[in-house]
Amino acid sequence: MLSDKEKAFIEYWEENRLKEKSIYKLVSPGFSIGLCIGIAILLAFNSGWYERANMAAQAESSPWILVIGIIAIVVFTGFFYKKFRWEMNEQAYRELKAKNEAEQKKAKDNTE
């Protein structure tokens, strides 16, 4: 027997699964995680905890490369996080649907 929470999830996911798969919805919620990682990289880079790496980075690379790298990390992390969450919800939905169908089939067999 499905709980009320599981039934509510099935109803929600049937209505919103295609909306949640849109490109904007896939990227936007994960931006905060990506921004946290990017800020941590900038803080580590500017803190000077490893002076030799700091000197090499300042001598050989452009600040634009760092900015482009952090933007790439933010976009990738945002996309990957939301895609992972969508896949987990889809798997839970399919498992609950299969469980529900098996219970209905069992109930139907018992009544016959």
PDB file of N, CA and C in Angstrom:
ATOM      1  N   MET A   1       0.829  -1.175   0.000  1.00  0.00           N
ATOM      2  CA  MET A   1       0.000   0.000   0.000  1.00  0.00           C
ATOM      3  C   MET A   1       0.884   1.254   0.000  1.00  0.00           C
ATOM      4  N   LEU A   2       0.621   2.151  -0.903  1.00  0.00           N
ATOM      5  CA  LEU A   2       1.390   3.388  -0.988  1.00  0.00           C
ATOM      6  C   LEU A   2       0.940   4.369   0.088  1.00  0.00           C
ATOM      7  N   SER A   3       1.901   5.065   0.674  1.00  0.00           N
ATOM      8  CA  SER A   3       1.576   6.081   1.677  1.00  0.00           C
ATOM      9  C   SER A   3       1.060   7.336   0.967  1.00  0.00           C
ATOM     10  N   ASP A   4       0.515   8.249   1.760  1.00  0.00           N
ATOM     11  CA  ASP A   4       0.016   9.498   1.192  1.00  0.00           C
ATOM     12  C   ASP A   4       1.150  10.319   0.578  1.00  0.00           C
ATOM     13  N   LYS A   5       2.310  10.269   1.202  1.00  0.00           N
ATOM     14  CA  LYS A   5       3.469  10.997   0.681  1.00  0.00           C
ATOM     15  C   LYS A   5       3.896  10.444  -0.679  1.00  0.00           C
ATOM     16  N   GLU A   6       3.887   9.125  -0.819  1.00  0.00           N
ATOM     17  CA  GLU A   6       4.255   8.504  -2.094  1.00  0.00           C
ATOM     18  C   GLU A   6       3.229   8.818  -3.176  1.00  0.00           C
ATOM     19  N   LYS A   7       1.962   8.802  -2.817  1.00  0.00           N
ATOM     20  CA  LYS A   7       0.911   9.157  -3.786  1.00  0.00           C
ATOM     21  C   LYS A   7       1.042  10.608  -4.225  1.00  0.00           C
ATOM     22  N   ALA A   8       1.332  11.479  -3.268  1.00  0.00           N
ATOM     23  CA  ALA A   8       1.512  12.901  -3.605  1.00  0.00           C
ATOM     24  C   ALA A   8       2.708  13.093  -4.524  1.00  0.00           C
ATOM     25  N   PHE A   9       3.796  12.341  -4.286  1.00  0.00           N
ATOM     26  CA  PHE A   9       4.967  12.439  -5.157  1.00  0.00           C
ATOM     27  C   PHE A   9       4.634  11.978  -6.573  1.00  0.00           C
ATOM     28  N   ILE A  10       3.895  10.870  -6.685  1.00  0.00           N
ATOM     29  CA  ILE A  10       3.515  10.368  -8.014  1.00  0.00           C
ATOM     30  C   ILE A  10       2.696  11.415  -8.757  1.00  0.00           C
ATOM     31  N   GLU A  11       1.723  12.015  -8.093  1.00  0.00           N
ATOM     32  CA  GLU A  11       0.899  13.042  -8.743  1.00  0.00           C
ATOM     33  C   GLU A  11       1.742  14.255  -9.152  1.00  0.00           C
ATOM     34  N   TYR A  12       2.618  14.686  -8.239  1.00  0.00           N
ATOM     35  CA  TYR A  12       3.469  15.836  -8.546  1.00  0.00           C
ATOM     36  C   TYR A  12       4.368  15.548  -9.730  1.00  0.00           C
ATOM     37  N   TRP A  13       4.996  14.365  -9.742  1.00  0.00           N
ATOM     38  CA  TRP A  13       5.965  14.060 -10.789  1.00  0.00           C
ATOM     39  C   TRP A  13       5.288  13.855 -12.132  1.00  0.00           C
ATOM     40  N   GLU A  14       4.068  13.311 -12.137  1.00  0.00           N
ATOM     41  CA  GLU A  14       3.346  13.161 -13.408  1.00  0.00           C
ATOM     42  C   GLU A  14       3.044  14.523 -14.021  1.00  0.00           C
ATOM     43  N   GLU A  15       2.751  15.505 -13.180  1.00  0.00           N
ATOM     44  CA  GLU A  15       2.432  16.842 -13.681  1.00  0.00           C
ATOM     45  C   GLU A  15       3.673  17.638 -14.076  1.00  0.00           C
ATOM     46  N   ASN A  16       4.777  17.455 -13.369  1.00  0.00           N
ATOM     47  CA  ASN A  16       5.929  18.351 -13.514  1.00  0.00           C
ATOM     48  C   ASN A  16       7.184  17.730 -14.095  1.00  0.00           C
ATOM     49  N   ARG A  17       7.141  16.493 -14.504  1.00  0.00           N
ATOM     50  CA  ARG A  17       8.388  15.862 -14.952  1.00  0.00           C
ATOM     51  C   ARG A  17       8.956  16.514 -16.212  1.00  0.00           C
ATOM     52  N   LEU A  18       8.111  16.926 -17.129  1.00  0.00           N
ATOM     53  CA  LEU A  18       8.627  17.578 -18.340  1.00  0.00           C
ATOM     54  C   LEU A  18       9.070  19.013 -18.061  1.00  0.00           C
ATOM     55  N   LYS A  19       8.388  19.696 -17.131  1.00  0.00           N
ATOM     56  CA  LYS A  19       8.809  21.044 -16.756  1.00  0.00           C
ATOM     57  C   LYS A  19      10.181  21.016 -16.098  1.00  0.00           C
ATOM     58  N   GLU A  20      10.407  20.013 -15.258  1.00  0.00           N
ATOM     59  CA  GLU A  20      11.674  19.900 -14.542  1.00  0.00           C
ATOM     60  C   GLU A  20      12.835  19.548 -15.476  1.00  0.00           C
ATOM     61  N   LYS A  21      12.529  19.045 -16.656  1.00  0.00           N
ATOM     62  CA  LYS A  21      13.580  18.638 -17.580  1.00  0.00           C
ATOM     63  C   LYS A  21      14.017  19.772 -18.514  1.00  0.00           C
ATOM     64  N   SER A  22      13.350  20.926 -18.457  1.00  0.00           N
ATOM     65  CA  SER A  22      13.711  22.032 -19.333  1.00  0.00           C
ATOM     66  C   SER A  22      15.125  22.518 -19.015  1.00  0.00           C
ATOM     67  N   ILE A  23      15.759  23.150 -19.976  1.00  0.00           N
ATOM     68  CA  ILE A  23      17.144  23.587 -19.841  1.00  0.00           C
ATOM     69  C   ILE A  23      17.290  24.590 -18.688  1.00  0.00           C
ATOM     70  N   TYR A  24      16.387  25.542 -18.598  1.00  0.00           N
ATOM     71  CA  TYR A  24      16.484  26.538 -17.524  1.00  0.00           C
ATOM     72  C   TYR A  24      16.372  25.881 -16.159  1.00  0.00           C
ATOM     73  N   LYS A  25      15.424  24.970 -16.013  1.00  0.00           N
ATOM     74  CA  LYS A  25      15.246  24.279 -14.731  1.00  0.00           C
ATOM     75  C   LYS A  25      16.418  23.344 -14.448  1.00  0.00           C
ATOM     76  N   LEU A  26      17.064  22.838 -15.489  1.00  0.00           N
ATOM     77  CA  LEU A  26      18.193  21.935 -15.274  1.00  0.00           C
ATOM     78  C   LEU A  26      19.431  22.670 -14.772  1.00  0.00           C
ATOM     79  N   VAL A  27      19.611  23.911 -15.152  1.00  0.00           N
ATOM     80  CA  VAL A  27      20.851  24.600 -14.835  1.00  0.00           C
ATOM     81  C   VAL A  27      20.717  25.527 -13.624  1.00  0.00           C
ATOM     82  N   SER A  28      19.599  26.207 -13.469  1.00  0.00           N
ATOM     83  CA  SER A  28      19.506  27.276 -12.476  1.00  0.00           C
ATOM     84  C   SER A  28      19.696  26.850 -11.024  1.00  0.00           C
ATOM     85  N   PRO A  29      19.091  25.780 -10.508  1.00  0.00           N
ATOM     86  CA  PRO A  29      19.269  25.476  -9.079  1.00  0.00           C
ATOM     87  C   PRO A  29      20.687  25.055  -8.705  1.00  0.00           C
ATOM     88  N   GLY A  30      21.411  24.490  -9.612  1.00  0.00           N
ATOM     89  CA  GLY A  30      22.758  24.041  -9.296  1.00  0.00           C
ATOM     90  C   GLY A  30      23.797  25.144  -9.349  1.00  0.00           C
ATOM     91  N   PHE A  31      23.397  26.341  -9.799  1.00  0.00           N
ATOM     92  CA  PHE A  31      24.347  27.448  -9.875  1.00  0.00           C
ATOM     93  C   PHE A  31      24.927  27.797  -8.513  1.00  0.00           C
ATOM     94  N   SER A  32      24.121  27.735  -7.480  1.00  0.00           N
ATOM     95  CA  SER A  32      24.624  28.112  -6.153  1.00  0.00           C
ATOM     96  C   SER A  32      25.739  27.180  -5.707  1.00  0.00           C
ATOM     97  N   ILE A  33      25.605  25.900  -6.009  1.00  0.00           N
ATOM     98  CA  ILE A  33      26.655  24.947  -5.659  1.00  0.00           C
ATOM     99  C   ILE A  33      27.926  25.250  -6.463  1.00  0.00           C
ATOM    100  N   GLY A  34      27.748  25.492  -7.750  1.00  0.00           N
ATOM    101  CA  GLY A  34      28.888  25.828  -8.591  1.00  0.00           C
ATOM    102  C   GLY A  34      29.554  27.125  -8.175  1.00  0.00           C
ATOM    103  N   LEU A  35      28.750  28.112  -7.777  1.00  0.00           N
ATOM    104  CA  LEU A  35      29.316  29.374  -7.313  1.00  0.00           C
ATOM    105  C   LEU A  35      30.105  29.182  -6.025  1.00  0.00           C
ATOM    106  N   CYS A  36      29.615  28.336  -5.152  1.00  0.00           N
ATOM    107  CA  CYS A  36      30.366  28.056  -3.913  1.00  0.00           C
ATOM    108  C   CYS A  36      31.718  27.424  -4.228  1.00  0.00           C
ATOM    109  N   ILE A  37      31.743  26.515  -5.165  1.00  0.00           N
ATOM    110  CA  ILE A  37      33.011  25.891  -5.563  1.00  0.00           C
ATOM    111  C   ILE A  37      33.931  26.927  -6.205  1.00  0.00           C
ATOM    112  N   GLY A  38      33.382  27.768  -7.076  1.00  0.00           N
ATOM    113  CA  GLY A  38      34.178  28.804  -7.725  1.00  0.00           C
ATOM    114  C   GLY A  38      34.741  29.805  -6.733  1.00  0.00           C
ATOM    115  N   ILE A  39      33.932  30.205  -5.753  1.00  0.00           N
ATOM    116  CA  ILE A  39      34.412  31.137  -4.732  1.00  0.00           C
ATOM    117  C   ILE A  39      35.499  30.491  -3.893  1.00  0.00           C
ATOM    118  N   ALA A  40      35.320  29.207  -3.580  1.00  0.00           N
ATOM    119  CA  ALA A  40      36.355  28.496  -2.814  1.00  0.00           C
ATOM    120  C   ALA A  40      37.671  28.451  -3.592  1.00  0.00           C
ATOM    121  N   ILE A  41      37.593  28.249  -4.894  1.00  0.00           N
ATOM    122  CA  ILE A  41      38.808  28.238  -5.720  1.00  0.00           C
ATOM    123  C   ILE A  41      39.469  29.613  -5.701  1.00  0.00           C
ATOM    124  N   LEU A  42      38.681  30.664  -5.847  1.00  0.00           N
ATOM    125  CA  LEU A  42      39.242  32.014  -5.815  1.00  0.00           C
ATOM    126  C   LEU A  42      39.866  32.324  -4.459  1.00  0.00           C
ATOM    127  N   LEU A  43      39.198  31.920  -3.376  1.00  0.00           N
ATOM    128  CA  LEU A  43      39.757  32.158  -2.048  1.00  0.00           C
ATOM    129  C   LEU A  43      41.063  31.405  -1.853  1.00  0.00           C
ATOM    130  N   ALA A  44      41.101  30.158  -2.305  1.00  0.00           N
ATOM    131  CA  ALA A  44      42.339  29.380  -2.177  1.00  0.00           C
ATOM    132  C   ALA A  44      43.451  29.993  -3.029  1.00  0.00           C
ATOM    133  N   PHE A  45      43.087  30.478  -4.188  1.00  0.00           N
ATOM    134  CA  PHE A  45      44.069  31.075  -5.092  1.00  0.00           C
ATOM    135  C   PHE A  45      44.623  32.380  -4.520  1.00  0.00           C
ATOM    136  N   ASN A  46      43.748  33.184  -3.930  1.00  0.00           N
ATOM    137  CA  ASN A  46      44.162  34.492  -3.423  1.00  0.00           C
ATOM    138  C   ASN A  46      44.668  34.471  -1.983  1.00  0.00           C
ATOM    139  N   SER A  47      44.510  33.356  -1.295  1.00  0.00           N
ATOM    140  CA  SER A  47      44.951  33.313   0.099  1.00  0.00           C
ATOM    141  C   SER A  47      46.465  33.230   0.231  1.00  0.00           C
ATOM    142  N   GLY A  48      47.124  32.720  -0.788  1.00  0.00           N
ATOM    143  CA  GLY A  48      48.577  32.641  -0.771  1.00  0.00           C
ATOM    144  C   GLY A  48      49.119  31.499   0.064  1.00  0.00           C
ATOM    145  N   TRP A  49      48.342  30.478   0.287  1.00  0.00           N
ATOM    146  CA  TRP A  49      48.791  29.366   1.129  1.00  0.00           C
ATOM    147  C   TRP A  49      49.866  28.533   0.450  1.00  0.00           C
ATOM    148  N   TYR A  50      49.935  28.610  -0.891  1.00  0.00           N
ATOM    149  CA  TYR A  50      50.991  27.899  -1.610  1.00  0.00           C
ATOM    150  C   TYR A  50      51.657  28.922  -2.529  1.00  0.00           C
ATOM    151  N   GLU A  51      52.692  29.549  -2.029  1.00  0.00           N
ATOM    152  CA  GLU A  51      53.291  30.683  -2.718  1.00  0.00           C
ATOM    153  C   GLU A  51      53.897  30.322  -4.064  1.00  0.00           C
ATOM    154  N   ARG A  52      54.490  29.169  -4.171  1.00  0.00           N
ATOM    155  CA  ARG A  52      55.132  28.779  -5.434  1.00  0.00           C
ATOM    156  C   ARG A  52      54.089  28.647  -6.550  1.00  0.00           C
ATOM    157  N   ALA A  53      52.937  28.015  -6.235  1.00  0.00           N
ATOM    158  CA  ALA A  53      51.872  27.891  -7.238  1.00  0.00           C
ATOM    159  C   ALA A  53      51.298  29.256  -7.576  1.00  0.00           C
ATOM    160  N   ASN A  54      51.191  30.099  -6.598  1.00  0.00           N
ATOM    161  CA  ASN A  54      50.689  31.453  -6.823  1.00  0.00           C
ATOM    162  C   ASN A  54      51.600  32.228  -7.763  1.00  0.00           C
ATOM    163  N   MET A  55      52.902  32.141  -7.552  1.00  0.00           N
ATOM    164  CA  MET A  55      53.855  32.839  -8.422  1.00  0.00           C
ATOM    165  C   MET A  55      53.800  32.292  -9.844  1.00  0.00           C
ATOM    166  N   ALA A  56      53.737  30.979  -9.980  1.00  0.00           N
ATOM    167  CA  ALA A  56      53.678  30.373 -11.313  1.00  0.00           C
ATOM    168  C   ALA A  56      52.395  30.763 -12.030  1.00  0.00           C
ATOM    169  N   ALA A  57      51.272  30.787 -11.315  1.00  0.00           N
ATOM    170  CA  ALA A  57      49.996  31.135 -11.933  1.00  0.00           C
ATOM    171  C   ALA A  57      49.985  32.594 -12.383  1.00  0.00           C
ATOM    172  N   GLN A  58      50.538  33.462 -11.590  1.00  0.00           N
ATOM    173  CA  GLN A  58      50.553  34.878 -11.951  1.00  0.00           C
ATOM    174  C   GLN A  58      51.535  35.173 -13.077  1.00  0.00           C
ATOM    175  N   ALA A  59      52.589  34.397 -13.181  1.00  0.00           N
ATOM    176  CA  ALA A  59      53.597  34.638 -14.216  1.00  0.00           C
ATOM    177  C   ALA A  59      53.182  34.072 -15.566  1.00  0.00           C
ATOM    178  N   GLU A  60      52.496  32.949 -15.574  1.00  0.00           N
ATOM    179  CA  GLU A  60      52.251  32.236 -16.827  1.00  0.00           C
ATOM    180  C   GLU A  60      50.827  32.313 -17.366  1.00  0.00           C
ATOM    181  N   SER A  61      49.856  32.678 -16.540  1.00  0.00           N
ATOM    182  CA  SER A  61      48.477  32.622 -17.029  1.00  0.00           C
ATOM    183  C   SER A  61      47.794  33.978 -16.935  1.00  0.00           C
ATOM    184  N   SER A  62      46.758  34.080 -17.697  1.00  0.00           N
ATOM    185  CA  SER A  62      45.943  35.282 -17.713  1.00  0.00           C
ATOM    186  C   SER A  62      44.794  35.128 -16.708  1.00  0.00           C
ATOM    187  N   PRO A  63      44.357  36.215 -16.115  1.00  0.00           N
ATOM    188  CA  PRO A  63      43.206  36.120 -15.203  1.00  0.00           C
ATOM    189  C   PRO A  63      41.934  35.669 -15.923  1.00  0.00           C
ATOM    190  N   TRP A  64      41.882  35.893 -17.226  1.00  0.00           N
ATOM    191  CA  TRP A  64      40.700  35.477 -17.985  1.00  0.00           C
ATOM    192  C   TRP A  64      40.568  33.962 -18.039  1.00  0.00           C
ATOM    193  N   ILE A  65      41.683  33.282 -18.040  1.00  0.00           N
ATOM    194  CA  ILE A  65      41.637  31.816 -18.043  1.00  0.00           C
ATOM    195  C   ILE A  65      41.005  31.316 -16.746  1.00  0.00           C
ATOM    196  N   LEU A  66      41.360  31.930 -15.640  1.00  0.00           N
ATOM    197  CA  LEU A  66      40.769  31.573 -14.351  1.00  0.00           C
ATOM    198  C   LEU A  66      39.267  31.859 -14.348  1.00  0.00           C
ATOM    199  N   VAL A  67      38.882  33.002 -14.858  1.00  0.00           N
ATOM    200  CA  VAL A  67      37.460  33.368 -14.911  1.00  0.00           C
ATOM    201  C   VAL A  67      36.681  32.392 -15.795  1.00  0.00           C
ATOM    202  N   ILE A  68      37.232  32.072 -16.957  1.00  0.00           N
ATOM    203  CA  ILE A  68      36.561  31.129 -17.857  1.00  0.00           C
ATOM    204  C   ILE A  68      36.470  29.748 -17.215  1.00  0.00           C
ATOM    205  N   GLY A  69      37.520  29.338 -16.534  1.00  0.00           N
ATOM    206  CA  GLY A  69      37.497  28.045 -15.839  1.00  0.00           C
ATOM    207  C   GLY A  69      36.435  27.994 -14.753  1.00  0.00           C
ATOM    208  N   ILE A  70      36.311  29.066 -13.985  1.00  0.00           N
ATOM    209  CA  ILE A  70      35.304  29.096 -12.921  1.00  0.00           C
ATOM    210  C   ILE A  70      33.898  29.120 -13.507  1.00  0.00           C
ATOM    211  N   ILE A  71      33.691  29.853 -14.585  1.00  0.00           N
ATOM    212  CA  ILE A  71      32.377  29.853 -15.243  1.00  0.00           C
ATOM    213  C   ILE A  71      32.046  28.452 -15.750  1.00  0.00           C
ATOM    214  N   ALA A  72      33.028  27.773 -16.319  1.00  0.00           N
ATOM    215  CA  ALA A  72      32.799  26.397 -16.790  1.00  0.00           C
ATOM    216  C   ALA A  72      32.444  25.479 -15.627  1.00  0.00           C
ATOM    217  N   ILE A  73      33.112  25.639 -14.498  1.00  0.00           N
ATOM    218  CA  ILE A  73      32.805  24.824 -13.317  1.00  0.00           C
ATOM    219  C   ILE A  73      31.389  25.098 -12.835  1.00  0.00           C
ATOM    220  N   VAL A  74      30.990  26.365 -12.799  1.00  0.00           N
ATOM    221  CA  VAL A  74      29.650  26.737 -12.341  1.00  0.00           C
ATOM    222  C   VAL A  74      28.585  26.121 -13.246  1.00  0.00           C
ATOM    223  N   VAL A  75      28.748  26.249 -14.550  1.00  0.00           N
ATOM    224  CA  VAL A  75      27.753  25.724 -15.488  1.00  0.00           C
ATOM    225  C   VAL A  75      27.707  24.196 -15.428  1.00  0.00           C
ATOM    226  N   PHE A  76      28.857  23.551 -15.426  1.00  0.00           N
ATOM    227  CA  PHE A  76      28.890  22.090 -15.378  1.00  0.00           C
ATOM    228  C   PHE A  76      28.282  21.567 -14.086  1.00  0.00           C
ATOM    229  N   THR A  77      28.656  22.161 -12.959  1.00  0.00           N
ATOM    230  CA  THR A  77      28.126  21.711 -11.678  1.00  0.00           C
ATOM    231  C   THR A  77      26.623  21.924 -11.608  1.00  0.00           C
ATOM    232  N   GLY A  78      26.158  23.070 -12.076  1.00  0.00           N
ATOM    233  CA  GLY A  78      24.721  23.342 -12.083  1.00  0.00           C
ATOM    234  C   GLY A  78      23.957  22.334 -12.914  1.00  0.00           C
ATOM    235  N   PHE A  79      24.443  22.055 -14.098  1.00  0.00           N
ATOM    236  CA  PHE A  79      23.769  21.100 -14.979  1.00  0.00           C
ATOM    237  C   PHE A  79      23.818  19.692 -14.401  1.00  0.00           C
ATOM    238  N   PHE A  80      24.998  19.273 -13.949  1.00  0.00           N
ATOM    239  CA  PHE A  80      25.165  17.913 -13.445  1.00  0.00           C
ATOM    240  C   PHE A  80      24.313  17.669 -12.206  1.00  0.00           C
ATOM    241  N   TYR A  81      24.280  18.638 -11.284  1.00  0.00           N
ATOM    242  CA  TYR A  81      23.508  18.476 -10.055  1.00  0.00           C
ATOM    243  C   TYR A  81      22.030  18.310 -10.349  1.00  0.00           C
ATOM    244  N   LYS A  82      21.481  19.179 -11.184  1.00  0.00           N
ATOM    245  CA  LYS A  82      20.039  19.119 -11.443  1.00  0.00           C
ATOM    246  C   LYS A  82      19.687  17.887 -12.272  1.00  0.00           C
ATOM    247  N   LYS A  83      20.542  17.509 -13.208  1.00  0.00           N
ATOM    248  CA  LYS A  83      20.296  16.309 -14.005  1.00  0.00           C
ATOM    249  C   LYS A  83      20.291  15.074 -13.104  1.00  0.00           C
ATOM    250  N   PHE A  84      21.221  15.038 -12.152  1.00  0.00           N
ATOM    251  CA  PHE A  84      21.276  13.929 -11.202  1.00  0.00           C
ATOM    252  C   PHE A  84      19.999  13.873 -10.370  1.00  0.00           C
ATOM    253  N   ARG A  85      19.529  15.014  -9.877  1.00  0.00           N
ATOM    254  CA  ARG A  85      18.292  15.046  -9.078  1.00  0.00           C
ATOM    255  C   ARG A  85      17.096  14.603  -9.920  1.00  0.00           C
ATOM    256  N   TRP A  86      17.038  15.031 -11.197  1.00  0.00           N
ATOM    257  CA  TRP A  86      15.929  14.640 -12.059  1.00  0.00           C
ATOM    258  C   TRP A  86      15.925  13.125 -12.253  1.00  0.00           C
ATOM    259  N   GLU A  87      17.092  12.552 -12.496  1.00  0.00           N
ATOM    260  CA  GLU A  87      17.182  11.102 -12.691  1.00  0.00           C
ATOM    261  C   GLU A  87      16.772  10.338 -11.429  1.00  0.00           C
ATOM    262  N   MET A  88      17.152  10.840 -10.270  1.00  0.00           N
ATOM    263  CA  MET A  88      16.766  10.195  -9.010  1.00  0.00           C
ATOM    264  C   MET A  88      15.251  10.251  -8.816  1.00  0.00           C
ATOM    265  N   ASN A  89      14.640  11.395  -9.106  1.00  0.00           N
ATOM    266  CA  ASN A  89      13.180  11.507  -8.998  1.00  0.00           C
ATOM    267  C   ASN A  89      12.477  10.605  -9.996  1.00  0.00           C
ATOM    268  N   GLU A  90      13.010  10.530 -11.197  1.00  0.00           N
ATOM    269  CA  GLU A  90      12.412   9.667 -12.228  1.00  0.00           C
ATOM    270  C   GLU A  90      12.488   8.200 -11.804  1.00  0.00           C
ATOM    271  N   GLN A  91      13.609   7.788 -11.239  1.00  0.00           N
ATOM    272  CA  GLN A  91      13.752   6.414 -10.780  1.00  0.00           C
ATOM    273  C   GLN A  91      12.774   6.116  -9.642  1.00  0.00           C
ATOM    274  N   ALA A  92      12.647   7.042  -8.697  1.00  0.00           N
ATOM    275  CA  ALA A  92      11.707   6.850  -7.592  1.00  0.00           C
ATOM    276  C   ALA A  92      10.275   6.766  -8.119  1.00  0.00           C
ATOM    277  N   TYR A  93       9.941   7.604  -9.099  1.00  0.00           N
ATOM    278  CA  TYR A  93       8.617   7.588  -9.706  1.00  0.00           C
ATOM    279  C   TYR A  93       8.329   6.241 -10.357  1.00  0.00           C
ATOM    280  N   ARG A  94       9.266   5.749 -11.121  1.00  0.00           N
ATOM    281  CA  ARG A  94       9.056   4.463 -11.794  1.00  0.00           C
ATOM    282  C   ARG A  94       8.927   3.313 -10.799  1.00  0.00           C
ATOM    283  N   GLU A  95       9.724   3.345  -9.734  1.00  0.00           N
ATOM    284  CA  GLU A  95       9.631   2.302  -8.713  1.00  0.00           C
ATOM    285  C   GLU A  95       8.278   2.330  -8.016  1.00  0.00           C
ATOM    286  N   LEU A  96       7.799   3.533  -7.687  1.00  0.00           N
ATOM    287  CA  LEU A  96       6.504   3.650  -7.028  1.00  0.00           C
ATOM    288  C   LEU A  96       5.355   3.242  -7.954  1.00  0.00           C
ATOM    289  N   LYS A  97       5.476   3.593  -9.231  1.00  0.00           N
ATOM    290  CA  LYS A  97       4.438   3.177 -10.199  1.00  0.00           C
ATOM    291  C   LYS A  97       4.401   1.655 -10.322  1.00  0.00           C
ATOM    292  N   ALA A  98       5.568   1.026 -10.379  1.00  0.00           N
ATOM    293  CA  ALA A  98       5.625  -0.438 -10.480  1.00  0.00           C
ATOM    294  C   ALA A  98       5.056  -1.071  -9.216  1.00  0.00           C
ATOM    295  N   LYS A  99       5.366  -0.514  -8.072  1.00  0.00           N
ATOM    296  CA  LYS A  99       4.839  -1.024  -6.800  1.00  0.00           C
ATOM    297  C   LYS A  99       3.320  -0.887  -6.771  1.00  0.00           C
ATOM    298  N   ASN A 100       2.821   0.238  -7.222  1.00  0.00           N
ATOM    299  CA  ASN A 100       1.381   0.480  -7.246  1.00  0.00           C
ATOM    300  C   ASN A 100       0.677  -0.491  -8.190  1.00  0.00           C
ATOM    301  N   GLU A 101       1.244  -0.693  -9.367  1.00  0.00           N
ATOM    302  CA  GLU A 101       0.650  -1.616 -10.330  1.00  0.00           C
ATOM    303  C   GLU A 101       0.671  -3.055  -9.814  1.00  0.00           C
ATOM    304  N   ALA A 102       1.747  -3.445  -9.141  1.00  0.00           N
ATOM    305  CA  ALA A 102       1.826  -4.792  -8.575  1.00  0.00           C
ATOM    306  C   ALA A 102       0.779  -4.983  -7.485  1.00  0.00           C
ATOM    307  N   GLU A 103       0.557  -3.978  -6.659  1.00  0.00           N
ATOM    308  CA  GLU A 103      -0.462  -4.060  -5.614  1.00  0.00           C
ATOM    309  C   GLU A 103      -1.854  -4.137  -6.207  1.00  0.00           C
ATOM    310  N   GLN A 104      -2.098  -3.359  -7.265  1.00  0.00           N
ATOM    311  CA  GLN A 104      -3.405  -3.400  -7.918  1.00  0.00           C
ATOM    312  C   GLN A 104      -3.647  -4.756  -8.567  1.00  0.00           C
ATOM    313  N   LYS A 105      -2.617  -5.322  -9.187  1.00  0.00           N
ATOM    314  CA  LYS A 105      -2.754  -6.629  -9.814  1.00  0.00           C
ATOM    315  C   LYS A 105      -3.010  -7.698  -8.757  1.00  0.00           C
ATOM    316  N   LYS A 106      -2.316  -7.611  -7.638  1.00  0.00           N
ATOM    317  CA  LYS A 106      -2.489  -8.571  -6.545  1.00  0.00           C
ATOM    318  C   LYS A 106      -3.894  -8.467  -5.971  1.00  0.00           C
ATOM    319  N   ALA A 107      -4.398  -7.241  -5.786  1.00  0.00           N
ATOM    320  CA  ALA A 107      -5.743  -7.049  -5.273  1.00  0.00           C
ATOM    321  C   ALA A 107      -6.784  -7.578  -6.246  1.00  0.00           C
ATOM    322  N   LYS A 108      -6.529  -7.394  -7.540  1.00  0.00           N
ATOM    323  CA  LYS A 108      -7.455  -7.865  -8.565  1.00  0.00           C
ATOM    324  C   LYS A 108      -7.475  -9.389  -8.593  1.00  0.00           C
ATOM    325  N   ASP A 109      -6.323 -10.031  -8.448  1.00  0.00           N
ATOM    326  CA  ASP A 109      -6.245 -11.498  -8.430  1.00  0.00           C
ATOM    327  C   ASP A 109      -6.935 -12.071  -7.194  1.00  0.00           C
ATOM    328  N   ASN A 110      -6.865 -11.375  -6.071  1.00  0.00           N
ATOM    329  CA  ASN A 110      -7.506 -11.848  -4.846  1.00  0.00           C
ATOM    330  C   ASN A 110      -9.025 -11.743  -4.909  1.00  0.00           C
ATOM    331  N   THR A 111      -9.537 -10.794  -5.661  1.00  0.00           N
ATOM    332  CA  THR A 111     -10.990 -10.640  -5.760  1.00  0.00           C
ATOM    333  C   THR A 111     -11.615 -11.637  -6.726  1.00  0.00           C
ATOM    334  N   GLU A 112     -10.844 -12.201  -7.587  1.00  0.00           N
ATOM    335  CA  GLU A 112     -11.381 -13.133  -8.589  1.00  0.00           C
ATOM    336  C   GLU A 112     -11.509 -14.508  -8.058  1.00  0.00           C
TER     337      GLU A 112
END
